[in-house]
Protein backbone atom coordinates (compact mmCIF):
# COMPACT_ATOMS: atom_id res chain seq x y z
CA MET A 1 -92.83 88.04 7.41
CA SER A 2 -92.48 85.44 4.66
CA TRP A 3 -89.56 83.43 3.34
CA GLU A 4 -89.07 81.04 0.45
CA THR A 5 -87.45 78.25 2.46
CA VAL A 6 -89.03 78.56 5.90
CA THR A 7 -92.66 78.85 6.97
CA LEU A 8 -94.03 80.15 10.25
CA GLU A 9 -97.54 79.45 11.46
CA GLU A 10 -98.99 80.66 14.75
CA SER A 11 -102.21 79.55 16.42
CA GLU A 12 -103.41 79.62 20.03
CA GLY A 13 -99.99 80.39 21.46
CA ILE A 14 -98.17 77.75 19.40
CA ALA A 15 -95.65 78.74 16.73
CA THR A 16 -94.67 76.12 14.14
CA ILE A 17 -91.48 76.69 12.14
CA THR A 18 -90.99 74.44 9.12
CA VAL A 19 -87.80 74.24 7.08
CA ASP A 20 -89.29 73.99 3.61
CA ARG A 21 -86.73 72.64 1.12
CA PRO A 22 -87.98 69.06 0.65
CA ASP A 23 -86.23 68.67 -2.72
CA SER A 24 -82.93 69.28 -0.90
CA LEU A 25 -83.93 67.25 2.17
CA ASN A 26 -84.34 70.59 3.98
CA ALA A 27 -80.60 71.24 4.06
CA LEU A 28 -79.64 74.51 5.71
CA ASN A 29 -78.11 76.78 3.09
CA ARG A 30 -77.31 80.40 3.89
CA GLU A 31 -80.70 81.68 2.79
CA THR A 32 -82.47 79.11 4.94
CA LEU A 33 -80.30 79.86 7.97
CA GLN A 34 -81.15 83.55 7.71
CA ALA A 35 -84.84 82.75 7.33
CA LEU A 36 -84.71 80.35 10.27
CA GLU A 37 -83.09 82.98 12.46
CA GLU A 38 -85.71 85.56 11.52
CA ALA A 39 -88.53 83.07 12.08
CA VAL A 40 -87.26 82.20 15.55
CA GLY A 41 -87.09 85.92 16.31
CA GLU A 42 -90.77 86.24 15.42
CA THR A 43 -91.85 83.73 18.08
CA ASP A 44 -91.03 85.69 21.23
CA ASP A 45 -94.66 85.70 22.37
CA ALA A 46 -95.28 81.99 21.75
CA ARG A 47 -96.05 79.68 24.65
CA ALA A 48 -94.68 76.67 22.74
CA VAL A 49 -92.63 76.37 19.55
CA VAL A 50 -92.47 73.43 17.14
CA VAL A 51 -89.60 72.99 14.67
CA THR A 52 -89.89 70.49 11.83
CA GLY A 53 -89.03 69.84 8.19
CA ALA A 54 -91.25 69.71 5.13
CA GLY A 55 -92.00 66.43 3.41
CA LYS A 56 -91.77 62.84 4.62
CA ASP A 57 -88.07 62.13 4.12
CA ALA A 58 -86.12 64.62 6.21
CA PHE A 59 -86.23 66.80 9.27
CA VAL A 60 -83.05 68.58 8.20
CA ALA A 61 -80.42 66.55 6.36
CA GLY A 62 -77.56 68.88 7.34
CA ALA A 63 -75.78 72.06 6.39
CA ASP A 64 -74.96 73.27 2.86
CA ILE A 65 -71.97 71.13 1.83
CA GLY A 66 -71.73 72.80 -1.57
CA TYR A 67 -71.21 76.14 0.15
CA MET A 68 -68.78 74.80 2.75
CA GLN A 69 -66.51 73.01 0.31
CA GLU A 70 -64.46 76.04 -0.72
CA ILE A 71 -64.78 78.51 2.16
CA SER A 72 -61.79 79.83 4.09
CA THR A 73 -61.07 79.44 7.79
CA ASN A 74 -62.43 82.92 8.49
CA GLU A 75 -65.57 82.23 6.48
CA ALA A 76 -66.00 78.92 8.30
CA GLN A 77 -65.71 80.72 11.64
CA GLU A 78 -68.44 83.13 10.59
CA TYR A 79 -70.63 80.24 9.38
CA ALA A 80 -70.17 78.45 12.70
CA GLU A 81 -71.12 81.61 14.60
CA VAL A 82 -74.33 81.97 12.60
CA GLY A 83 -75.38 78.43 13.41
CA HIS A 84 -74.49 78.81 17.08
CA ARG A 85 -76.39 82.08 17.31
CA ILE A 86 -79.55 80.52 15.90
CA PHE A 87 -79.38 77.31 17.92
CA ASP A 88 -78.54 79.21 21.12
CA ALA A 89 -81.63 81.35 20.50
CA ILE A 90 -83.67 78.15 20.34
CA ALA A 91 -82.04 76.66 23.43
CA THR A 92 -82.64 79.85 25.45
CA HIS A 93 -86.08 80.70 24.04
CA ASP A 94 -88.56 81.63 26.76
CA ALA A 95 -90.91 78.87 25.60
CA PRO A 96 -90.18 75.15 25.33
CA VAL A 97 -89.22 74.17 21.78
CA ILE A 98 -90.23 70.78 20.37
CA ALA A 99 -88.42 69.12 17.47
CA ALA A 100 -90.80 67.04 15.38
CA VAL A 101 -88.23 64.83 13.66
CA ASN A 102 -89.87 63.35 10.58
CA GLY A 103 -86.92 61.77 8.80
CA TYR A 104 -83.19 62.31 8.38
CA ALA A 105 -81.53 64.50 11.01
CA PHE A 106 -77.87 64.53 10.04
CA GLY A 107 -75.08 66.98 10.87
CA GLY A 108 -76.60 70.41 11.37
CA GLY A 109 -80.05 68.84 11.40
CA CYS A 110 -79.15 66.68 14.37
CA GLU A 111 -77.67 69.75 16.05
CA LEU A 112 -80.91 71.66 15.41
CA ALA A 113 -82.84 68.88 17.16
CA LEU A 114 -80.33 68.89 20.03
CA ALA A 115 -80.93 72.60 20.60
CA CYS A 116 -84.63 71.95 21.19
CA ASP A 117 -86.04 71.09 24.60
CA LEU A 118 -88.02 68.03 23.54
CA ARG A 119 -87.67 65.68 20.59
CA VAL A 120 -90.45 63.52 19.19
CA ALA A 121 -89.47 61.24 16.31
CA SER A 122 -91.38 59.37 13.68
CA GLU A 123 -90.48 55.73 13.22
CA ASN A 124 -88.51 56.54 10.05
CA ALA A 125 -86.30 59.17 11.72
CA VAL A 126 -82.53 58.68 11.64
CA PHE A 127 -80.02 60.74 13.62
CA GLY A 128 -76.32 61.23 12.92
CA GLN A 129 -73.37 63.52 13.52
CA THR A 130 -71.85 62.52 10.21
CA GLU A 131 -69.36 65.37 9.78
CA ILE A 132 -66.27 63.19 10.27
CA ASP A 133 -66.76 61.70 6.78
CA LEU A 134 -66.57 65.23 5.36
CA GLY A 135 -63.23 65.86 7.04
CA ILE A 136 -64.71 68.12 9.73
CA VAL A 137 -66.41 67.86 13.12
CA PRO A 138 -69.81 69.06 14.37
CA GLY A 139 -69.69 72.87 14.43
CA TRP A 140 -73.12 73.97 15.62
CA GLY A 141 -73.13 72.50 19.11
CA GLY A 142 -73.06 68.77 18.48
CA THR A 143 -69.86 68.04 20.38
CA GLN A 144 -71.28 69.73 23.46
CA ARG A 145 -75.00 68.99 23.53
CA LEU A 146 -74.95 65.40 22.28
CA SER A 147 -73.02 63.80 25.16
CA ARG A 148 -75.25 65.52 27.70
CA LEU A 149 -78.22 63.65 26.27
CA VAL A 150 -76.82 60.28 25.24
CA GLY A 151 -73.72 59.90 27.40
CA ASP A 152 -70.05 60.10 26.53
CA ALA A 153 -69.58 56.67 24.93
CA THR A 154 -72.49 56.96 22.49
CA ALA A 155 -71.59 60.53 21.62
CA ARG A 156 -67.99 59.57 20.85
CA ARG A 157 -69.09 56.74 18.58
CA MET A 158 -71.47 59.05 16.74
CA VAL A 159 -68.85 61.78 16.32
CA PHE A 160 -65.75 59.59 15.76
CA LEU A 161 -67.38 57.04 13.48
CA GLY A 162 -70.35 58.92 12.08
CA GLU A 163 -72.62 56.21 13.46
CA ARG A 164 -76.33 56.75 12.82
CA LEU A 165 -79.16 55.96 15.20
CA ASP A 166 -82.60 54.92 14.03
CA ALA A 167 -85.57 56.23 15.98
CA ALA A 168 -85.82 53.24 18.32
CA SER A 169 -82.11 53.37 19.15
CA ALA A 170 -82.31 57.14 19.66
CA ALA A 171 -85.08 56.60 22.18
CA GLU A 172 -83.09 53.93 24.00
CA VAL A 173 -80.15 56.29 24.59
CA GLY A 174 -82.32 59.30 25.49
CA LEU A 175 -81.88 61.33 22.34
CA VAL A 176 -85.64 61.42 21.79
CA GLY A 177 -88.44 61.19 24.30
CA GLU A 178 -91.04 59.50 22.13
CA VAL A 179 -91.25 57.56 18.85
CA VAL A 180 -94.55 57.43 16.96
CA PRO A 181 -95.77 56.25 13.55
CA GLN A 182 -95.06 58.84 10.90
CA ALA A 183 -98.75 59.37 10.20
CA GLU A 184 -99.31 60.28 13.87
CA LEU A 185 -96.33 62.60 14.36
CA ASP A 186 -98.09 65.88 13.63
CA ASP A 187 -101.02 65.05 15.91
CA VAL A 188 -98.83 63.86 18.78
CA VAL A 189 -96.62 66.95 18.61
CA SER A 190 -99.66 69.22 18.26
CA ASP A 191 -101.18 67.72 21.41
CA LEU A 192 -97.89 68.03 23.28
CA ALA A 193 -97.47 71.67 22.23
CA ALA A 194 -101.06 72.46 23.24
CA GLU A 195 -100.51 70.88 26.64
CA ILE A 196 -97.39 73.00 27.16
CA ALA A 197 -99.11 76.15 25.90
CA ALA A 198 -101.88 75.67 28.47
CA LYS A 199 -99.41 75.79 31.36
CA PRO A 200 -98.53 79.04 33.17
CA LYS A 201 -96.11 80.94 30.92
CA PHE A 202 -93.88 82.58 33.54
CA ALA A 203 -93.48 79.37 35.50
CA MET A 204 -92.67 77.47 32.30
CA THR A 205 -89.99 80.00 31.39
CA ALA A 206 -88.55 79.75 34.89
CA ALA A 207 -88.54 75.95 34.69
CA LYS A 208 -86.64 76.05 31.40
CA GLU A 209 -84.12 78.55 32.77
CA ALA A 210 -83.46 76.35 35.79
CA LEU A 211 -83.08 73.17 33.73
CA ASN A 212 -80.70 74.94 31.34
CA GLN A 213 -78.39 75.75 34.24
CA VAL A 214 -77.74 72.11 35.12
CA HIS A 215 -74.65 71.96 32.92
CA GLU A 216 -73.70 75.61 33.27
CA MET A 217 -72.94 75.95 36.98
CA PRO A 218 -72.02 73.86 40.02
CA GLN A 219 -74.91 72.20 41.82
CA SER A 220 -74.72 74.56 44.78
CA ALA A 221 -75.06 77.57 42.48
CA GLY A 222 -77.83 75.84 40.54
CA LEU A 223 -79.77 75.19 43.73
CA ALA A 224 -79.44 78.85 44.72
CA PHE A 225 -80.64 79.82 41.23
CA GLU A 226 -83.64 77.53 41.63
CA ARG A 227 -84.53 79.09 45.01
CA ARG A 228 -84.53 82.57 43.50
CA LEU A 229 -86.70 81.51 40.56
CA TRP A 230 -89.12 79.64 42.81
CA SER A 231 -89.64 82.45 45.28
CA GLY A 232 -89.87 85.03 42.49
CA LEU A 233 -93.01 83.34 41.14
CA PHE A 234 -94.94 84.00 44.34
CA GLY A 235 -97.32 86.90 44.01
CA THR A 236 -97.82 86.38 40.29
CA HIS A 237 -101.32 85.88 38.93
CA ASP A 238 -100.54 82.34 37.81
CA GLN A 239 -99.20 81.29 41.23
CA ARG A 240 -102.25 82.70 43.00
CA GLU A 241 -104.63 81.25 40.43
CA GLY A 242 -102.97 77.84 40.27
CA MET A 243 -103.06 77.33 44.02
CA ALA A 244 -106.58 78.73 44.37
CA ALA A 245 -107.81 76.40 41.63
CA PHE A 246 -106.21 73.43 43.36
CA LEU A 247 -107.82 74.26 46.69
CA GLU A 248 -111.17 74.92 45.02
CA ASP A 249 -110.97 71.72 42.94
CA ARG A 250 -111.35 73.47 39.56
CA GLU A 251 -109.33 74.06 36.40
CA PRO A 252 -106.96 77.07 36.65
CA GLU A 253 -107.25 80.03 34.30
CA PHE A 254 -103.67 81.07 33.67
CA GLU A 255 -102.67 84.29 31.93
C-alpha cells in the first residue's frame, strides 16, 4: 500500500513508519491519521517497528488544529476515538515499537511517542503536552500514559502549564531512554531495532504483554499472568533452541 503522507519500509523483520509532512512539521491531519492506521495494520509480521517523522525539525508537531477549531462535541469524540484506536494498536502491537524522535513532539506527537515501547531522541528533540494553551487537554492518551513514565508532578506541570522538555530533560525524567546527536539517530535506532528483531519473537511478544499489564491489574494478578506466559513458552522452538545454544556455547538460531 502507498500513501501521500506516510511511508512504510520493511527490511529484515523491521518495519519503519515515517510521517511524511515535513512542510507541516508532520502534523496529524485526518488523511495522515488514516494512513498511519493503515500502515500500522500492515506491520503485523514485523519483529520490530520504528516510528519517526520526515525532515530534521519535527517528529510530529501535533494534531490538525485547523480541523479541530470548528468541530462539534460529537465530532471531537469521534476524532479522539480515532487517535486512541491507532495509539492503542501501537501500544499493544506484538512487536516492540521504537519512537525515533527527531525534533518537535508536541500534543498528539508526544502522545504518539508515549504509545511506543521505547523512545530514542535526537539532541534537538522537544516534548510537550501543549494542549492547555488551545483550550483543551490531551485527548489521545497523554493524561494517562505520561504520568506513568515521568511521575505525577512532572506530568501535571506539562499538562497544566504546557511546559516543554528538551531532550536532556526528557531523559532525566524517564520520558526517553537515550539521547544521541541528530546525525546519529537513524543509525542508533536501526541498530536497536536490529537487536530486537534478532531476539525470539514469541518470547518478545510475551515480554511486552507482561510489561503492559503492570498498570492494568493488581500485582498479584500480574504475577499470575507472568507465570502463565513464562510456562507457555516452554516447548516452543525458540525456548529449546535458546537453552541448547547456551549449553553448547553457540549463537542461537531463533525462528
